[in-house]
Amino acid sequence: QLQLVESGGGLFQAGASLRLSCAASGGRIAPYAMGWFRQGLGKARQMVASIDTGRTPYYAEPVKGRFTVSRDNAENKVYLQMNNLKPEDTAVYYCGARRGSDQNYWGQGTQVTVSS
């Protein structure tokens, strides 16, 4: 059982950098693939970056070269470094954890707003 809490969102100018954090409690994240998802206004939730238990990262095309996902299993945290923010990055960002096919957890989300 995991509880996930995102932090670091806010209002930013285009071109700014930001790091989101996801702190886990209730269990270790080591056995879980971890990911960051976002949901913009009127849009479906979509994956932006994930990192598996072997620390292999995956990125959605719109964020490749700008975002970096990392995990610190000892600290029990996952991070999303977001560089060169664009207005289209505006969304609620969610941290997620998946283990197998029957264990999935979500954080409450943190709002990131990017103004031009």
C-alpha atoms as a PDB file:
ATOM      1  CA  GLN A   1       0.000   0.000   0.000  1.00  0.00           C
ATOM      2  CA  LEU A   2       1.393   3.332  -1.100  1.00  0.00           C
ATOM      3  CA  GLN A   3       0.408   6.914  -0.561  1.00  0.00           C
ATOM      4  CA  LEU A   4       1.843   9.404  -3.028  1.00  0.00           C
ATOM      5  CA  VAL A   5       2.062  13.151  -2.558  1.00  0.00           C
ATOM      6  CA  GLU A   6       3.205  15.494  -5.311  1.00  0.00           C
ATOM      7  CA  SER A   7       4.686  18.889  -4.671  1.00  0.00           C
ATOM      8  CA  GLY A   8       6.424  21.672  -6.533  1.00  0.00           C
ATOM      9  CA  GLY A   9       3.708  22.990  -8.803  1.00  0.00           C
ATOM     10  CA  GLY A  10       2.847  26.617  -9.264  1.00  0.00           C
ATOM     11  CA  LEU A  11       2.757  29.452 -11.767  1.00  0.00           C
ATOM     12  CA  PHE A  12       5.731  29.834 -14.100  1.00  0.00           C
ATOM     13  CA  GLN A  13       6.789  31.796 -17.135  1.00  0.00           C
ATOM     14  CA  ALA A  14       7.518  30.092 -20.416  1.00  0.00           C
ATOM     15  CA  GLY A  15      11.152  29.060 -20.523  1.00  0.00           C
ATOM     16  CA  ALA A  16      11.395  28.532 -16.783  1.00  0.00           C
ATOM     17  CA  SER A  17      12.522  25.359 -15.059  1.00  0.00           C
ATOM     18  CA  LEU A  18      10.778  23.425 -12.346  1.00  0.00           C
ATOM     19  CA  ARG A  19      11.227  20.222 -10.406  1.00  0.00           C
ATOM     20  CA  LEU A  20       8.261  18.241  -9.216  1.00  0.00           C
ATOM     21  CA  SER A  21       8.624  15.782  -6.371  1.00  0.00           C
ATOM     22  CA  CYS A  22       6.605  12.721  -5.486  1.00  0.00           C
ATOM     23  CA  ALA A  23       7.005  11.467  -1.942  1.00  0.00           C
ATOM     24  CA  ALA A  24       5.814   7.975  -1.126  1.00  0.00           C
ATOM     25  CA  SER A  25       4.798   6.582   2.211  1.00  0.00           C
ATOM     26  CA  GLY A  26       3.257   3.374   3.427  1.00  0.00           C
ATOM     27  CA  GLY A  27       5.742   1.249   1.548  1.00  0.00           C
ATOM     28  CA  ARG A  28       8.854   1.247  -0.575  1.00  0.00           C
ATOM     29  CA  ILE A  29       8.713   2.367  -4.180  1.00  0.00           C
ATOM     30  CA  ALA A  30      11.541   0.062  -5.229  1.00  0.00           C
ATOM     31  CA  PRO A  31       9.247  -2.686  -6.621  1.00  0.00           C
ATOM     32  CA  TYR A  32       7.117  -0.194  -8.570  1.00  0.00           C
ATOM     33  CA  ALA A  33       7.394   1.346 -11.953  1.00  0.00           C
ATOM     34  CA  MET A  34       6.851   5.047 -11.373  1.00  0.00           C
ATOM     35  CA  GLY A  35       5.456   7.633 -13.702  1.00  0.00           C
ATOM     36  CA  TRP A  36       4.309  11.173 -14.192  1.00  0.00           C
ATOM     37  CA  PHE A  37       1.046  11.916 -15.945  1.00  0.00           C
ATOM     38  CA  ARG A  38      -0.666  15.163 -16.741  1.00  0.00           C
ATOM     39  CA  GLN A  39      -4.167  16.251 -17.536  1.00  0.00           C
ATOM     40  CA  GLY A  40      -4.844  19.561 -19.190  1.00  0.00           C
ATOM     41  CA  LEU A  41      -8.178  21.320 -19.209  1.00  0.00           C
ATOM     42  CA  GLY A  42     -10.607  19.388 -21.366  1.00  0.00           C
ATOM     43  CA  LYS A  43      -8.054  16.710 -22.148  1.00  0.00           C
ATOM     44  CA  ALA A  44      -7.476  13.122 -21.141  1.00  0.00           C
ATOM     45  CA  ARG A  45      -4.756  12.181 -18.735  1.00  0.00           C
ATOM     46  CA  GLN A  46      -1.584  11.240 -20.556  1.00  0.00           C
ATOM     47  CA  MET A  47       1.771   9.857 -19.595  1.00  0.00           C
ATOM     48  CA  VAL A  48       4.636  12.294 -19.830  1.00  0.00           C
ATOM     49  CA  ALA A  49       7.476  10.326 -18.279  1.00  0.00           C
ATOM     50  CA  SER A  50       8.022   7.056 -16.487  1.00  0.00           C
ATOM     51  CA  ILE A  51      10.863   5.118 -14.979  1.00  0.00           C
ATOM     52  CA  ASP A  52      10.859   1.410 -14.402  1.00  0.00           C
ATOM     53  CA  THR A  53      12.359  -0.560 -11.563  1.00  0.00           C
ATOM     54  CA  GLY A  54      15.624  -0.847 -13.471  1.00  0.00           C
ATOM     55  CA  ARG A  55      15.749   2.953 -13.799  1.00  0.00           C
ATOM     56  CA  THR A  56      15.080   2.952 -17.524  1.00  0.00           C
ATOM     57  CA  PRO A  57      13.213   6.162 -18.397  1.00  0.00           C
ATOM     58  CA  TYR A  58      10.505   6.699 -20.975  1.00  0.00           C
ATOM     59  CA  TYR A  59       9.210   9.996 -22.313  1.00  0.00           C
ATOM     60  CA  ALA A  60       6.317  11.195 -24.345  1.00  0.00           C
ATOM     61  CA  GLU A  61       7.424  12.946 -27.505  1.00  0.00           C
ATOM     62  CA  PRO A  62       6.310  16.460 -26.475  1.00  0.00           C
ATOM     63  CA  VAL A  63       8.646  16.464 -23.476  1.00  0.00           C
ATOM     64  CA  LYS A  64      11.670  14.641 -24.870  1.00  0.00           C
ATOM     65  CA  GLY A  65      14.795  16.675 -24.365  1.00  0.00           C
ATOM     66  CA  ARG A  66      13.101  18.967 -21.858  1.00  0.00           C
ATOM     67  CA  PHE A  67      11.956  16.735 -18.987  1.00  0.00           C
ATOM     68  CA  THR A  68      13.963  14.251 -16.968  1.00  0.00           C
ATOM     69  CA  VAL A  69      12.463  11.662 -14.651  1.00  0.00           C
ATOM     70  CA  SER A  70      14.496  10.157 -11.844  1.00  0.00           C
ATOM     71  CA  ARG A  71      13.967   8.086  -8.760  1.00  0.00           C
ATOM     72  CA  ASP A  72      15.687   7.771  -5.428  1.00  0.00           C
ATOM     73  CA  ASN A  73      14.568   4.513  -3.899  1.00  0.00           C
ATOM     74  CA  ALA A  74      16.443   5.138  -0.649  1.00  0.00           C
ATOM     75  CA  GLU A  75      14.693   8.486  -0.256  1.00  0.00           C
ATOM     76  CA  ASN A  76      11.454   6.929  -1.506  1.00  0.00           C
ATOM     77  CA  LYS A  77      10.899   9.768  -3.938  1.00  0.00           C
ATOM     78  CA  VAL A  78      10.455  10.325  -7.634  1.00  0.00           C
ATOM     79  CA  TYR A  79      11.273  13.553  -9.411  1.00  0.00           C
ATOM     80  CA  LEU A  80      10.396  15.249 -12.651  1.00  0.00           C
ATOM     81  CA  GLN A  81      12.804  17.930 -13.778  1.00  0.00           C
ATOM     82  CA  MET A  82      11.010  20.199 -16.213  1.00  0.00           C
ATOM     83  CA  ASN A  83      13.092  22.577 -18.305  1.00  0.00           C
ATOM     84  CA  ASN A  84      12.115  25.131 -20.914  1.00  0.00           C
ATOM     85  CA  LEU A  85       8.491  25.118 -19.869  1.00  0.00           C
ATOM     86  CA  LYS A  86       5.905  25.852 -22.502  1.00  0.00           C
ATOM     87  CA  PRO A  87       2.288  26.992 -22.139  1.00  0.00           C
ATOM     88  CA  GLU A  88       1.149  23.607 -23.426  1.00  0.00           C
ATOM     89  CA  ASP A  89       2.743  22.036 -20.347  1.00  0.00           C
ATOM     90  CA  THR A  90      -0.023  23.592 -18.260  1.00  0.00           C
ATOM     91  CA  ALA A  91      -1.837  20.749 -16.541  1.00  0.00           C
ATOM     92  CA  VAL A  92      -2.392  18.936 -13.310  1.00  0.00           C
ATOM     93  CA  TYR A  93       0.548  16.595 -12.865  1.00  0.00           C
ATOM     94  CA  TYR A  94       0.033  13.258 -11.165  1.00  0.00           C
ATOM     95  CA  CYS A  95       2.514  10.800  -9.791  1.00  0.00           C
ATOM     96  CA  GLY A  96       1.650   7.160 -10.302  1.00  0.00           C
ATOM     97  CA  ALA A  97       2.982   3.789  -9.216  1.00  0.00           C
ATOM     98  CA  ARG A  98       2.376   0.417 -10.804  1.00  0.00           C
ATOM     99  CA  ARG A  99       3.339  -3.052  -9.699  1.00  0.00           C
ATOM    100  CA  GLY A 100       2.218  -5.879 -11.882  1.00  0.00           C
ATOM    101  CA  SER A 101      -1.321  -5.550 -13.162  1.00  0.00           C
ATOM    102  CA  ASP A 102      -3.254  -5.211  -9.924  1.00  0.00           C
ATOM    103  CA  GLN A 103      -1.444  -2.608  -7.852  1.00  0.00           C
ATOM    104  CA  ASN A 104      -1.822   0.958  -9.040  1.00  0.00           C
ATOM    105  CA  TYR A 105      -1.618   4.122  -6.992  1.00  0.00           C
ATOM    106  CA  TRP A 106      -2.051   7.804  -7.736  1.00  0.00           C
ATOM    107  CA  GLY A 107      -1.217  10.995  -5.972  1.00  0.00           C
ATOM    108  CA  GLN A 108      -3.627  13.885  -5.644  1.00  0.00           C
ATOM    109  CA  GLY A 109      -1.950  15.960  -8.327  1.00  0.00           C
ATOM    110  CA  THR A 110      -0.204  19.304  -8.405  1.00  0.00           C
ATOM    111  CA  GLN A 111      -1.100  22.166 -10.711  1.00  0.00           C
ATOM    112  CA  VAL A 112       1.519  23.526 -13.082  1.00  0.00           C
ATOM    113  CA  THR A 113       0.569  26.665 -14.960  1.00  0.00           C
ATOM    114  CA  VAL A 114       2.850  28.140 -17.603  1.00  0.00           C
ATOM    115  CA  SER A 115       2.144  31.600 -18.934  1.00  0.00           C
ATOM    116  CA  SER A 116       3.491  33.021 -22.155  1.00  0.00           C
END
